[in-house]
């Protein structure tokens, strides 16, 4: 696998697009019929952000996360969140070694390049909070000592928003740690037929081999941060955020951190299209996944059955789109 620096002798935008397409095609082998969910998940992945996959059981949330992990030659751990899970079961703990007479830190499953937090809302708030520091600062603090996790470090969490018995709602501070929130959704009839035919023998998913190295992923994440964002596009994002703060249907609009998340996601989306610059359509493509979980509805809006995504669609339809956004 070629892990050389593409800055030497390659067009960075084309190199990124080629590697992105290789990973996308590989993931699609495991999750067919959901191109939009795969593209958004990889947008989050190569933006260096954490992903929350929220949907009903059986539509492929865990399959999507495992397929991304299997497509990259990097370490990954899966944590099944349950009510009796302890914070130390995630971060690790310090144990006493009788042979040496010293305390030794034994890292938990958080020490991996990609961590799959399955059914994250089934663990207690105390256990959920164990992820707050490591998601924000890429380090774990145990007994007063900080231990860095590998880079890149990405959390892919899944949760079921329908069957809420025995679950704990993720607080806003924790939701804000996720760059994007997406849903997979049901496949159409043709895609489901292909799934049934292809997996009828053993009921499993295809065995995936890595198509990108951890060094390539590090470079791709760094490249995304250099994708050009024109002043006009930055102002467009700021006006979208400002419009959410003034909308009476919302109790809480998008914060500056939300605006930064929207820009970062738009950069990654543009890079996946083979461009080294962001256009307004990139912002529109990722606005709902980037901002929807960061908005709080007013009580009247909740009673009327409204949603944050409905508000965002209206905002995107009213905020003027810049015409010359590339320079």
C-alpha atoms as a PDB file:
ATOM      1  CA  UNK A   1       0.000   0.000   0.000  1.00  0.00           C
ATOM      2  CA  UNK A   2       1.459   3.343  -1.049  1.00  0.00           C
ATOM      3  CA  UNK A   3       1.826   5.636   1.956  1.00  0.00           C
ATOM      4  CA  UNK A   4       4.093   8.236   0.352  1.00  0.00           C
ATOM      5  CA  UNK A   5       3.369  11.917   0.764  1.00  0.00           C
ATOM      6  CA  UNK A   6       1.132  12.924  -2.176  1.00  0.00           C
ATOM      7  CA  UNK A   7       2.412  16.504  -1.960  1.00  0.00           C
ATOM      8  CA  UNK A   8       5.469  15.264  -3.894  1.00  0.00           C
ATOM      9  CA  UNK A   9       4.596  14.598  -7.524  1.00  0.00           C
ATOM     10  CA  UNK A  10       0.808  14.335  -7.137  1.00  0.00           C
ATOM     11  CA  UNK A  11      -2.142  16.682  -7.319  1.00  0.00           C
ATOM     12  CA  UNK A  12      -3.376  16.694  -3.685  1.00  0.00           C
ATOM     13  CA  UNK A  13      -7.047  17.165  -4.623  1.00  0.00           C
ATOM     14  CA  UNK A  14      -6.970  14.276  -7.102  1.00  0.00           C
ATOM     15  CA  UNK A  15      -5.030  12.058  -4.692  1.00  0.00           C
ATOM     16  CA  UNK A  16      -7.542  12.722  -1.914  1.00  0.00           C
ATOM     17  CA  UNK A  17     -10.483  12.009  -4.230  1.00  0.00           C
ATOM     18  CA  UNK A  18      -8.915   8.708  -5.355  1.00  0.00           C
ATOM     19  CA  UNK A  19      -8.278   7.485  -1.822  1.00  0.00           C
ATOM     20  CA  UNK A  20     -11.730   8.687  -0.730  1.00  0.00           C
ATOM     21  CA  UNK A  21     -13.376   6.786  -3.580  1.00  0.00           C
ATOM     22  CA  UNK A  22     -11.472   3.616  -2.678  1.00  0.00           C
ATOM     23  CA  UNK A  23     -12.739   3.756   0.904  1.00  0.00           C
ATOM     24  CA  UNK A  24     -16.274   4.687  -0.201  1.00  0.00           C
ATOM     25  CA  UNK A  25     -16.464   1.759  -2.618  1.00  0.00           C
ATOM     26  CA  UNK A  26     -15.173  -0.612   0.055  1.00  0.00           C
ATOM     27  CA  UNK A  27     -17.698   0.527   2.667  1.00  0.00           C
ATOM     28  CA  UNK A  28     -20.514   0.311   0.121  1.00  0.00           C
ATOM     29  CA  UNK A  29     -19.797  -3.407  -0.262  1.00  0.00           C
ATOM     30  CA  UNK A  30     -21.014  -3.873   3.321  1.00  0.00           C
ATOM     31  CA  UNK A  31     -23.805  -1.283   3.276  1.00  0.00           C
ATOM     32  CA  UNK A  32     -25.427  -1.339  -0.138  1.00  0.00           C
ATOM     33  CA  UNK A  33     -28.249   0.966  -1.151  1.00  0.00           C
ATOM     34  CA  UNK A  34     -27.254   3.796   1.190  1.00  0.00           C
ATOM     35  CA  UNK A  35     -24.843   6.023  -0.752  1.00  0.00           C
ATOM     36  CA  UNK A  36     -25.829   9.227   1.053  1.00  0.00           C
ATOM     37  CA  UNK A  37     -25.261   7.749   4.516  1.00  0.00           C
ATOM     38  CA  UNK A  38     -21.880   6.347   3.450  1.00  0.00           C
ATOM     39  CA  UNK A  39     -20.804   9.661   1.935  1.00  0.00           C
ATOM     40  CA  UNK A  40     -21.801  11.636   5.024  1.00  0.00           C
ATOM     41  CA  UNK A  41     -20.088   9.137   7.333  1.00  0.00           C
ATOM     42  CA  UNK A  42     -16.847   9.414   5.361  1.00  0.00           C
ATOM     43  CA  UNK A  43     -17.197  13.189   5.260  1.00  0.00           C
ATOM     44  CA  UNK A  44     -17.171  13.122   9.047  1.00  0.00           C
ATOM     45  CA  UNK A  45     -14.357  10.571   9.158  1.00  0.00           C
ATOM     46  CA  UNK A  46     -11.978  12.550   6.946  1.00  0.00           C
ATOM     47  CA  UNK A  47     -12.906  15.800   8.661  1.00  0.00           C
ATOM     48  CA  UNK A  48     -11.426  14.274  11.820  1.00  0.00           C
ATOM     49  CA  UNK A  49     -14.747  14.526  13.655  1.00  0.00           C
ATOM     50  CA  UNK A  50     -16.871  12.143  15.672  1.00  0.00           C
ATOM     51  CA  UNK A  51     -20.030  10.614  14.187  1.00  0.00           C
ATOM     52  CA  UNK A  52     -23.394   9.836  15.783  1.00  0.00           C
ATOM     53  CA  UNK A  53     -25.519   7.338  13.813  1.00  0.00           C
ATOM     54  CA  UNK A  54     -29.110   7.484  15.006  1.00  0.00           C
ATOM     55  CA  UNK A  55     -31.756   5.130  13.634  1.00  0.00           C
ATOM     56  CA  UNK A  56     -34.048   2.202  14.372  1.00  0.00           C
ATOM     57  CA  UNK A  57     -32.584  -1.300  14.906  1.00  0.00           C
ATOM     58  CA  UNK A  58     -31.584  -3.457  11.962  1.00  0.00           C
ATOM     59  CA  UNK A  59     -30.822  -0.827   9.302  1.00  0.00           C
ATOM     60  CA  UNK A  60     -27.025  -1.145   9.386  1.00  0.00           C
ATOM     61  CA  UNK A  61     -25.760   1.402  11.929  1.00  0.00           C
ATOM     62  CA  UNK A  62     -23.159  -0.925  13.418  1.00  0.00           C
ATOM     63  CA  UNK A  63     -22.357  -2.398   9.996  1.00  0.00           C
ATOM     64  CA  UNK A  64     -21.529   1.085   8.706  1.00  0.00           C
ATOM     65  CA  UNK A  65     -19.181   1.809  11.604  1.00  0.00           C
ATOM     66  CA  UNK A  66     -17.443  -1.571  11.363  1.00  0.00           C
ATOM     67  CA  UNK A  67     -17.057  -1.225   7.587  1.00  0.00           C
ATOM     68  CA  UNK A  68     -15.270   2.117   7.974  1.00  0.00           C
ATOM     69  CA  UNK A  69     -12.963   0.613  10.595  1.00  0.00           C
ATOM     70  CA  UNK A  70     -12.243  -2.424   8.412  1.00  0.00           C
ATOM     71  CA  UNK A  71     -11.442  -0.222   5.410  1.00  0.00           C
ATOM     72  CA  UNK A  72      -8.550   1.467   7.201  1.00  0.00           C
ATOM     73  CA  UNK A  73      -5.430  -0.363   8.328  1.00  0.00           C
ATOM     74  CA  UNK A  74      -5.655   1.052  11.853  1.00  0.00           C
ATOM     75  CA  UNK A  75      -6.603  -0.111  15.338  1.00  0.00           C
ATOM     76  CA  UNK A  76     -10.232  -0.129  16.390  1.00  0.00           C
ATOM     77  CA  UNK A  77     -12.280  -1.283  19.363  1.00  0.00           C
ATOM     78  CA  UNK A  78     -15.981  -1.873  19.849  1.00  0.00           C
ATOM     79  CA  UNK A  79     -17.654  -1.025  23.177  1.00  0.00           C
ATOM     80  CA  UNK A  80     -21.138  -2.359  23.845  1.00  0.00           C
ATOM     81  CA  UNK A  81     -22.733   0.240  26.117  1.00  0.00           C
ATOM     82  CA  UNK A  82     -24.916  -1.266  28.857  1.00  0.00           C
ATOM     83  CA  UNK A  83     -26.394   0.101  32.114  1.00  0.00           C
ATOM     84  CA  UNK A  84     -23.691  -1.618  34.211  1.00  0.00           C
ATOM     85  CA  UNK A  85     -20.759  -0.322  32.135  1.00  0.00           C
ATOM     86  CA  UNK A  86     -18.275   1.683  34.241  1.00  0.00           C
ATOM     87  CA  UNK A  87     -16.140   4.674  33.148  1.00  0.00           C
ATOM     88  CA  UNK A  88     -12.989   2.635  33.788  1.00  0.00           C
ATOM     89  CA  UNK A  89     -14.301   0.015  31.345  1.00  0.00           C
ATOM     90  CA  UNK A  90     -13.805   2.676  28.650  1.00  0.00           C
ATOM     91  CA  UNK A  91     -10.788   4.696  29.705  1.00  0.00           C
ATOM     92  CA  UNK A  92      -8.753   2.063  31.550  1.00  0.00           C
ATOM     93  CA  UNK A  93      -7.559   1.859  35.130  1.00  0.00           C
ATOM     94  CA  UNK A  94      -4.454   1.895  37.307  1.00  0.00           C
ATOM     95  CA  UNK A  95      -3.571  -1.448  38.923  1.00  0.00           C
ATOM     96  CA  UNK A  96      -0.948  -2.399  41.487  1.00  0.00           C
ATOM     97  CA  UNK A  97       1.817  -4.706  40.243  1.00  0.00           C
ATOM     98  CA  UNK A  98       2.968  -6.835  43.191  1.00  0.00           C
ATOM     99  CA  UNK A  99       6.111  -7.948  41.380  1.00  0.00           C
ATOM    100  CA  UNK A 100       7.466  -4.425  40.928  1.00  0.00           C
ATOM    101  CA  UNK A 101       5.664  -2.708  43.785  1.00  0.00           C
ATOM    102  CA  UNK A 102       4.409   0.017  41.449  1.00  0.00           C
ATOM    103  CA  UNK A 103       1.105   1.111  39.964  1.00  0.00           C
ATOM    104  CA  UNK A 104       0.665   0.494  36.249  1.00  0.00           C
ATOM    105  CA  UNK A 105      -1.892   2.021  33.906  1.00  0.00           C
ATOM    106  CA  UNK A 106      -3.779  -0.460  31.784  1.00  0.00           C
ATOM    107  CA  UNK A 107      -5.470   1.339  28.882  1.00  0.00           C
ATOM    108  CA  UNK A 108      -9.107   0.639  28.047  1.00  0.00           C
ATOM    109  CA  UNK A 109     -10.773   0.300  24.647  1.00  0.00           C
ATOM    110  CA  UNK A 110     -10.743   4.092  24.185  1.00  0.00           C
ATOM    111  CA  UNK A 111      -7.105   3.688  23.134  1.00  0.00           C
ATOM    112  CA  UNK A 112      -7.639   2.980  19.450  1.00  0.00           C
ATOM    113  CA  UNK A 113      -7.749   4.960  16.232  1.00  0.00           C
ATOM    114  CA  UNK A 114     -11.455   4.264  15.825  1.00  0.00           C
ATOM    115  CA  UNK A 115     -13.821   3.501  18.698  1.00  0.00           C
ATOM    116  CA  UNK A 116     -17.294   2.113  18.012  1.00  0.00           C
ATOM    117  CA  UNK A 117     -19.597   3.071  20.880  1.00  0.00           C
ATOM    118  CA  UNK A 118     -22.571   0.809  20.219  1.00  0.00           C
ATOM    119  CA  UNK A 119     -25.935   1.895  21.684  1.00  0.00           C
ATOM    120  CA  UNK A 120     -24.274   4.721  23.579  1.00  0.00           C
ATOM    121  CA  UNK A 121     -27.506   5.892  25.216  1.00  0.00           C
ATOM    122  CA  UNK A 122     -27.898   2.608  27.123  1.00  0.00           C
ATOM    123  CA  UNK A 123     -25.075   3.503  29.525  1.00  0.00           C
ATOM    124  CA  UNK A 124     -25.513   5.796  32.525  1.00  0.00           C
ATOM    125  CA  UNK A 125     -24.653   9.505  32.266  1.00  0.00           C
ATOM    126  CA  UNK A 126     -21.607   8.882  34.481  1.00  0.00           C
ATOM    127  CA  UNK A 127     -20.262   6.362  31.987  1.00  0.00           C
ATOM    128  CA  UNK A 128     -21.188   8.485  28.979  1.00  0.00           C
ATOM    129  CA  UNK A 129     -19.204  11.358  30.479  1.00  0.00           C
ATOM    130  CA  UNK A 130     -16.061   9.206  30.338  1.00  0.00           C
ATOM    131  CA  UNK A 131     -16.007   9.963  26.617  1.00  0.00           C
ATOM    132  CA  UNK A 132     -16.235  13.750  26.963  1.00  0.00           C
ATOM    133  CA  UNK A 133     -12.557  14.433  27.624  1.00  0.00           C
ATOM    134  CA  UNK A 134     -11.178  11.962  25.114  1.00  0.00           C
ATOM    135  CA  UNK A 135     -13.534  13.152  22.342  1.00  0.00           C
ATOM    136  CA  UNK A 136     -12.625  16.801  22.880  1.00  0.00           C
ATOM    137  CA  UNK A 137      -8.942  16.616  23.829  1.00  0.00           C
ATOM    138  CA  UNK A 138      -7.765  13.236  22.499  1.00  0.00           C
ATOM    139  CA  UNK A 139      -6.477  12.222  25.907  1.00  0.00           C
ATOM    140  CA  UNK A 140      -7.612  10.296  28.990  1.00  0.00           C
ATOM    141  CA  UNK A 141      -6.903  11.419  32.552  1.00  0.00           C
ATOM    142  CA  UNK A 142      -6.740   8.680  35.181  1.00  0.00           C
ATOM    143  CA  UNK A 143      -5.548   9.279  38.754  1.00  0.00           C
ATOM    144  CA  UNK A 144      -4.255  12.717  37.854  1.00  0.00           C
ATOM    145  CA  UNK A 145      -2.163  11.591  34.879  1.00  0.00           C
ATOM    146  CA  UNK A 146      -3.027  12.241  31.242  1.00  0.00           C
ATOM    147  CA  UNK A 147      -2.489   9.645  28.537  1.00  0.00           C
ATOM    148  CA  UNK A 148      -2.817  10.594  24.823  1.00  0.00           C
ATOM    149  CA  UNK A 149      -4.814   8.314  22.554  1.00  0.00           C
ATOM    150  CA  UNK A 150      -3.594   7.390  19.049  1.00  0.00           C
ATOM    151  CA  UNK A 151      -4.015   9.817  16.174  1.00  0.00           C
ATOM    152  CA  UNK A 152      -6.229  10.016  14.319  1.00  0.00           C
ATOM    153  CA  UNK A 153      -8.856   9.321  16.989  1.00  0.00           C
ATOM    154  CA  UNK A 154     -12.495   8.993  15.958  1.00  0.00           C
ATOM    155  CA  UNK A 155     -15.609   7.895  17.825  1.00  0.00           C
ATOM    156  CA  UNK A 156     -18.534   6.426  15.912  1.00  0.00           C
ATOM    157  CA  UNK A 157     -21.525   6.099  18.244  1.00  0.00           C
ATOM    158  CA  UNK A 158     -24.887   4.494  17.511  1.00  0.00           C
ATOM    159  CA  UNK A 159     -28.203   4.909  19.254  1.00  0.00           C
ATOM    160  CA  UNK A 160     -31.839   3.967  18.743  1.00  0.00           C
ATOM    161  CA  UNK A 161     -34.113   7.041  19.055  1.00  0.00           C
ATOM    162  CA  UNK A 162     -37.385   5.068  19.194  1.00  0.00           C
ATOM    163  CA  UNK A 163     -37.171   2.417  21.916  1.00  0.00           C
ATOM    164  CA  UNK A 164     -36.167   4.645  24.841  1.00  0.00           C
ATOM    165  CA  UNK A 165     -36.951   2.266  27.717  1.00  0.00           C
ATOM    166  CA  UNK A 166     -33.845   1.846  29.851  1.00  0.00           C
ATOM    167  CA  UNK A 167     -31.859   4.498  28.004  1.00  0.00           C
ATOM    168  CA  UNK A 168     -30.310   7.808  29.036  1.00  0.00           C
ATOM    169  CA  UNK A 169     -30.656  10.860  26.825  1.00  0.00           C
ATOM    170  CA  UNK A 170     -27.365  12.326  25.619  1.00  0.00           C
ATOM    171  CA  UNK A 171     -26.964  15.847  27.067  1.00  0.00           C
ATOM    172  CA  UNK A 172     -26.328  18.810  24.791  1.00  0.00           C
ATOM    173  CA  UNK A 173     -22.672  19.046  25.867  1.00  0.00           C
ATOM    174  CA  UNK A 174     -22.079  15.507  24.679  1.00  0.00           C
ATOM    175  CA  UNK A 175     -24.093  15.874  21.471  1.00  0.00           C
ATOM    176  CA  UNK A 176     -21.960  18.913  20.669  1.00  0.00           C
ATOM    177  CA  UNK A 177     -18.860  16.664  20.605  1.00  0.00           C
ATOM    178  CA  UNK A 178     -20.189  14.935  17.477  1.00  0.00           C
ATOM    179  CA  UNK A 179     -19.336  16.675  14.226  1.00  0.00           C
ATOM    180  CA  UNK A 180     -22.243  15.054  12.359  1.00  0.00           C
ATOM    181  CA  UNK A 181     -25.390  13.170  13.254  1.00  0.00           C
ATOM    182  CA  UNK A 182     -26.834  10.991  10.509  1.00  0.00           C
ATOM    183  CA  UNK A 183     -29.439   8.286  10.028  1.00  0.00           C
ATOM    184  CA  UNK A 184     -29.148   5.289   7.733  1.00  0.00           C
ATOM    185  CA  UNK A 185     -32.811   4.702   6.905  1.00  0.00           C
ATOM    186  CA  UNK A 186     -34.495   1.738   5.284  1.00  0.00           C
ATOM    187  CA  UNK A 187     -33.182   0.481   1.921  1.00  0.00           C
ATOM    188  CA  UNK A 188     -35.380   0.633  -1.141  1.00  0.00           C
ATOM    189  CA  UNK A 189     -36.869  -2.567  -2.564  1.00  0.00           C
ATOM    190  CA  UNK A 190     -34.083  -3.142  -5.104  1.00  0.00           C
ATOM    191  CA  UNK A 191     -31.331  -2.665  -2.514  1.00  0.00           C
ATOM    192  CA  UNK A 192     -33.066  -4.913   0.013  1.00  0.00           C
ATOM    193  CA  UNK A 193     -33.513  -7.605  -2.634  1.00  0.00           C
ATOM    194  CA  UNK A 194     -29.776  -7.506  -3.350  1.00  0.00           C
ATOM    195  CA  UNK A 195     -29.061  -7.790   0.371  1.00  0.00           C
ATOM    196  CA  UNK A 196     -31.334 -10.804   0.712  1.00  0.00           C
ATOM    197  CA  UNK A 197     -29.868 -12.557  -2.323  1.00  0.00           C
ATOM    198  CA  UNK A 198     -26.262 -11.799  -1.452  1.00  0.00           C
ATOM    199  CA  UNK A 199     -26.460 -12.826   2.200  1.00  0.00           C
ATOM    200  CA  UNK A 200     -28.997 -15.624   2.103  1.00  0.00           C
ATOM    201  CA  UNK A 201     -26.332 -18.309   2.443  1.00  0.00           C
ATOM    202  CA  UNK A 202     -24.656 -17.254   5.685  1.00  0.00           C
ATOM    203  CA  UNK A 203     -26.454 -14.089   6.758  1.00  0.00           C
ATOM    204  CA  UNK A 204     -23.147 -12.227   7.124  1.00  0.00           C
ATOM    205  CA  UNK A 205     -21.585  -9.170   5.583  1.00  0.00           C
ATOM    206  CA  UNK A 206     -18.681  -9.266   3.107  1.00  0.00           C
ATOM    207  CA  UNK A 207     -15.201  -9.551   4.593  1.00  0.00           C
ATOM    208  CA  UNK A 208     -13.477  -6.231   3.949  1.00  0.00           C
ATOM    209  CA  UNK A 209      -9.759  -5.614   3.550  1.00  0.00           C
ATOM    210  CA  UNK A 210      -8.069  -2.267   4.301  1.00  0.00           C
ATOM    211  CA  UNK A 211      -7.758   0.085   1.339  1.00  0.00           C
ATOM    212  CA  UNK A 212      -6.103   2.989   3.183  1.00  0.00           C
ATOM    213  CA  UNK A 213      -3.314   3.173   5.742  1.00  0.00           C
ATOM    214  CA  UNK A 214      -3.389   5.173   8.941  1.00  0.00           C
ATOM    215  CA  UNK A 215      -0.697   7.452   7.483  1.00  0.00           C
ATOM    216  CA  UNK A 216      -2.902   8.177   4.486  1.00  0.00           C
ATOM    217  CA  UNK A 217      -5.847   8.947   6.746  1.00  0.00           C
ATOM    218  CA  UNK A 218      -3.699  11.340   8.790  1.00  0.00           C
ATOM    219  CA  UNK A 219      -2.706  13.133   5.608  1.00  0.00           C
ATOM    220  CA  UNK A 220      -6.310  13.248   4.354  1.00  0.00           C
ATOM    221  CA  UNK A 221      -7.553  14.773   7.595  1.00  0.00           C
ATOM    222  CA  UNK A 222      -4.768  17.363   7.454  1.00  0.00           C
ATOM    223  CA  UNK A 223      -5.547  18.092   3.791  1.00  0.00           C
ATOM    224  CA  UNK A 224      -9.213  18.745   4.577  1.00  0.00           C
ATOM    225  CA  UNK A 225      -8.180  21.534   6.956  1.00  0.00           C
ATOM    226  CA  UNK A 226      -6.415  23.229   4.018  1.00  0.00           C
ATOM    227  CA  UNK A 227      -9.374  23.155   1.625  1.00  0.00           C
ATOM    228  CA  UNK A 228      -9.999  26.794   0.726  1.00  0.00           C
ATOM    229  CA  UNK A 229     -12.968  28.594   2.298  1.00  0.00           C
ATOM    230  CA  UNK A 230     -13.618  31.964   0.673  1.00  0.00           C
ATOM    231  CA  UNK A 231     -14.708  34.933   2.773  1.00  0.00           C
ATOM    232  CA  UNK A 232     -18.089  34.870   1.030  1.00  0.00           C
ATOM    233  CA  UNK A 233     -18.645  31.237   2.035  1.00  0.00           C
ATOM    234  CA  UNK A 234     -17.556  31.926   5.625  1.00  0.00           C
ATOM    235  CA  UNK A 235     -20.027  34.820   5.788  1.00  0.00           C
ATOM    236  CA  UNK A 236     -22.722  32.547   4.343  1.00  0.00           C
ATOM    237  CA  UNK A 237     -22.146  30.063   7.188  1.00  0.00           C
ATOM    238  CA  UNK A 238     -22.188  32.898   9.743  1.00  0.00           C
ATOM    239  CA  UNK A 239     -25.498  34.176   8.387  1.00  0.00           C
ATOM    240  CA  UNK A 240     -27.006  30.677   8.598  1.00  0.00           C
ATOM    241  CA  UNK A 241     -25.940  30.405  12.235  1.00  0.00           C
ATOM    242  CA  UNK A 242     -27.229  33.899  12.999  1.00  0.00           C
ATOM    243  CA  UNK A 243     -30.588  33.093  11.401  1.00  0.00           C
ATOM    244  CA  UNK A 244     -31.020  30.064  13.677  1.00  0.00           C
ATOM    245  CA  UNK A 245     -30.384  32.263  16.723  1.00  0.00           C
ATOM    246  CA  UNK A 246     -33.175  34.642  15.680  1.00  0.00           C
ATOM    247  CA  UNK A 247     -35.709  31.970  14.735  1.00  0.00           C
ATOM    248  CA  UNK A 248     -38.585  31.936  17.269  1.00  0.00           C
ATOM    249  CA  UNK A 249     -39.090  28.192  16.729  1.00  0.00           C
ATOM    250  CA  UNK A 250     -35.763  27.529  18.441  1.00  0.00           C
ATOM    251  CA  UNK A 251     -34.839  27.907  22.101  1.00  0.00           C
ATOM    252  CA  UNK A 252     -31.135  27.662  21.247  1.00  0.00           C
ATOM    253  CA  UNK A 253     -29.531  28.370  17.877  1.00  0.00           C
ATOM    254  CA  UNK A 254     -26.194  27.318  16.433  1.00  0.00           C
ATOM    255  CA  UNK A 255     -23.101  28.315  18.415  1.00  0.00           C
ATOM    256  CA  UNK A 256     -19.767  29.422  16.895  1.00  0.00           C
ATOM    257  CA  UNK A 257     -18.589  25.833  17.505  1.00  0.00           C
ATOM    258  CA  UNK A 258     -21.491  24.705  15.355  1.00  0.00           C
ATOM    259  CA  UNK A 259     -20.417  27.124  12.629  1.00  0.00           C
ATOM    260  CA  UNK A 260     -16.882  25.742  12.768  1.00  0.00           C
ATOM    261  CA  UNK A 261     -18.269  22.215  12.505  1.00  0.00           C
ATOM    262  CA  UNK A 262     -20.311  23.205   9.453  1.00  0.00           C
ATOM    263  CA  UNK A 263     -17.255  24.701   7.742  1.00  0.00           C
ATOM    264  CA  UNK A 264     -15.104  21.656   8.542  1.00  0.00           C
ATOM    265  CA  UNK A 265     -17.748  19.275   7.214  1.00  0.00           C
ATOM    266  CA  UNK A 266     -18.158  21.375   4.063  1.00  0.00           C
ATOM    267  CA  UNK A 267     -14.384  21.254   3.505  1.00  0.00           C
ATOM    268  CA  UNK A 268     -14.424  17.460   3.747  1.00  0.00           C
ATOM    269  CA  UNK A 269     -17.460  17.195   1.448  1.00  0.00           C
ATOM    270  CA  UNK A 270     -15.717  19.397  -1.139  1.00  0.00           C
ATOM    271  CA  UNK A 271     -12.517  17.341  -0.915  1.00  0.00           C
ATOM    272  CA  UNK A 272     -14.517  14.181  -1.522  1.00  0.00           C
ATOM    273  CA  UNK A 273     -15.797  15.778  -4.743  1.00  0.00           C
ATOM    274  CA  UNK A 274     -12.212  16.353  -5.897  1.00  0.00           C
ATOM    275  CA  UNK A 275     -12.204  20.109  -5.225  1.00  0.00           C
ATOM    276  CA  UNK A 276      -9.741  22.137  -3.200  1.00  0.00           C
ATOM    277  CA  UNK A 277     -12.282  24.833  -2.382  1.00  0.00           C
ATOM    278  CA  UNK A 278     -15.749  25.036  -0.808  1.00  0.00           C
ATOM    279  CA  UNK A 279     -18.873  26.239  -2.624  1.00  0.00           C
ATOM    280  CA  UNK A 280     -22.272  27.057  -1.056  1.00  0.00           C
ATOM    281  CA  UNK A 281     -23.736  23.739  -2.235  1.00  0.00           C
ATOM    282  CA  UNK A 282     -21.177  21.957  -0.028  1.00  0.00           C
ATOM    283  CA  UNK A 283     -22.469  23.906   2.955  1.00  0.00           C
ATOM    284  CA  UNK A 284     -26.066  23.035   2.097  1.00  0.00           C
ATOM    285  CA  UNK A 285     -25.213  19.336   1.694  1.00  0.00           C
ATOM    286  CA  UNK A 286     -23.937  18.997   5.278  1.00  0.00           C
ATOM    287  CA  UNK A 287     -25.951  21.689   7.097  1.00  0.00           C
ATOM    288  CA  UNK A 288     -28.583  19.379   8.591  1.00  0.00           C
ATOM    289  CA  UNK A 289     -26.158  16.653   9.790  1.00  0.00           C
ATOM    290  CA  UNK A 290     -23.786  19.297  11.202  1.00  0.00           C
ATOM    291  CA  UNK A 291     -26.297  21.591  12.938  1.00  0.00           C
ATOM    292  CA  UNK A 292     -29.484  19.582  13.526  1.00  0.00           C
ATOM    293  CA  UNK A 293     -28.355  17.996  16.808  1.00  0.00           C
ATOM    294  CA  UNK A 294     -27.009  21.310  18.089  1.00  0.00           C
ATOM    295  CA  UNK A 295     -30.344  23.150  17.972  1.00  0.00           C
ATOM    296  CA  UNK A 296     -32.918  23.128  20.766  1.00  0.00           C
ATOM    297  CA  UNK A 297     -36.560  23.491  19.832  1.00  0.00           C
ATOM    298  CA  UNK A 298     -38.872  25.892  21.614  1.00  0.00           C
ATOM    299  CA  UNK A 299     -41.609  24.198  23.629  1.00  0.00           C
ATOM    300  CA  UNK A 300     -44.342  25.317  21.214  1.00  0.00           C
ATOM    301  CA  UNK A 301     -42.409  23.864  18.269  1.00  0.00           C
ATOM    302  CA  UNK A 302     -42.063  20.511  20.029  1.00  0.00           C
ATOM    303  CA  UNK A 303     -45.781  20.425  20.832  1.00  0.00           C
ATOM    304  CA  UNK A 304     -46.623  21.138  17.202  1.00  0.00           C
ATOM    305  CA  UNK A 305     -44.390  18.278  16.072  1.00  0.00           C
ATOM    306  CA  UNK A 306     -41.731  20.419  14.421  1.00  0.00           C
ATOM    307  CA  UNK A 307     -38.086  19.400  14.069  1.00  0.00           C
ATOM    308  CA  UNK A 308     -34.705  21.107  13.925  1.00  0.00           C
ATOM    309  CA  UNK A 309     -34.228  19.835  10.376  1.00  0.00           C
ATOM    310  CA  UNK A 310     -37.457  21.566   9.304  1.00  0.00           C
ATOM    311  CA  UNK A 311     -36.161  24.835  10.740  1.00  0.00           C
ATOM    312  CA  UNK A 312     -32.801  24.406   9.008  1.00  0.00           C
ATOM    313  CA  UNK A 313     -34.437  23.771   5.653  1.00  0.00           C
ATOM    314  CA  UNK A 314     -36.401  27.012   6.026  1.00  0.00           C
ATOM    315  CA  UNK A 315     -33.267  28.896   7.062  1.00  0.00           C
ATOM    316  CA  UNK A 316     -31.306  27.567   4.070  1.00  0.00           C
ATOM    317  CA  UNK A 317     -34.168  28.675   1.829  1.00  0.00           C
ATOM    318  CA  UNK A 318     -34.118  32.244   3.131  1.00  0.00           C
ATOM    319  CA  UNK A 319     -30.425  33.084   3.672  1.00  0.00           C
ATOM    320  CA  UNK A 320     -29.021  34.605   0.440  1.00  0.00           C
ATOM    321  CA  UNK A 321     -26.479  32.389  -1.331  1.00  0.00           C
ATOM    322  CA  UNK A 322     -23.215  34.117  -2.353  1.00  0.00           C
ATOM    323  CA  UNK A 323     -22.627  34.161  -6.087  1.00  0.00           C
ATOM    324  CA  UNK A 324     -18.829  34.427  -6.351  1.00  0.00           C
ATOM    325  CA  UNK A 325     -17.663  32.058  -3.611  1.00  0.00           C
ATOM    326  CA  UNK A 326     -14.497  30.498  -4.949  1.00  0.00           C
ATOM    327  CA  UNK A 327     -12.032  33.379  -4.592  1.00  0.00           C
END
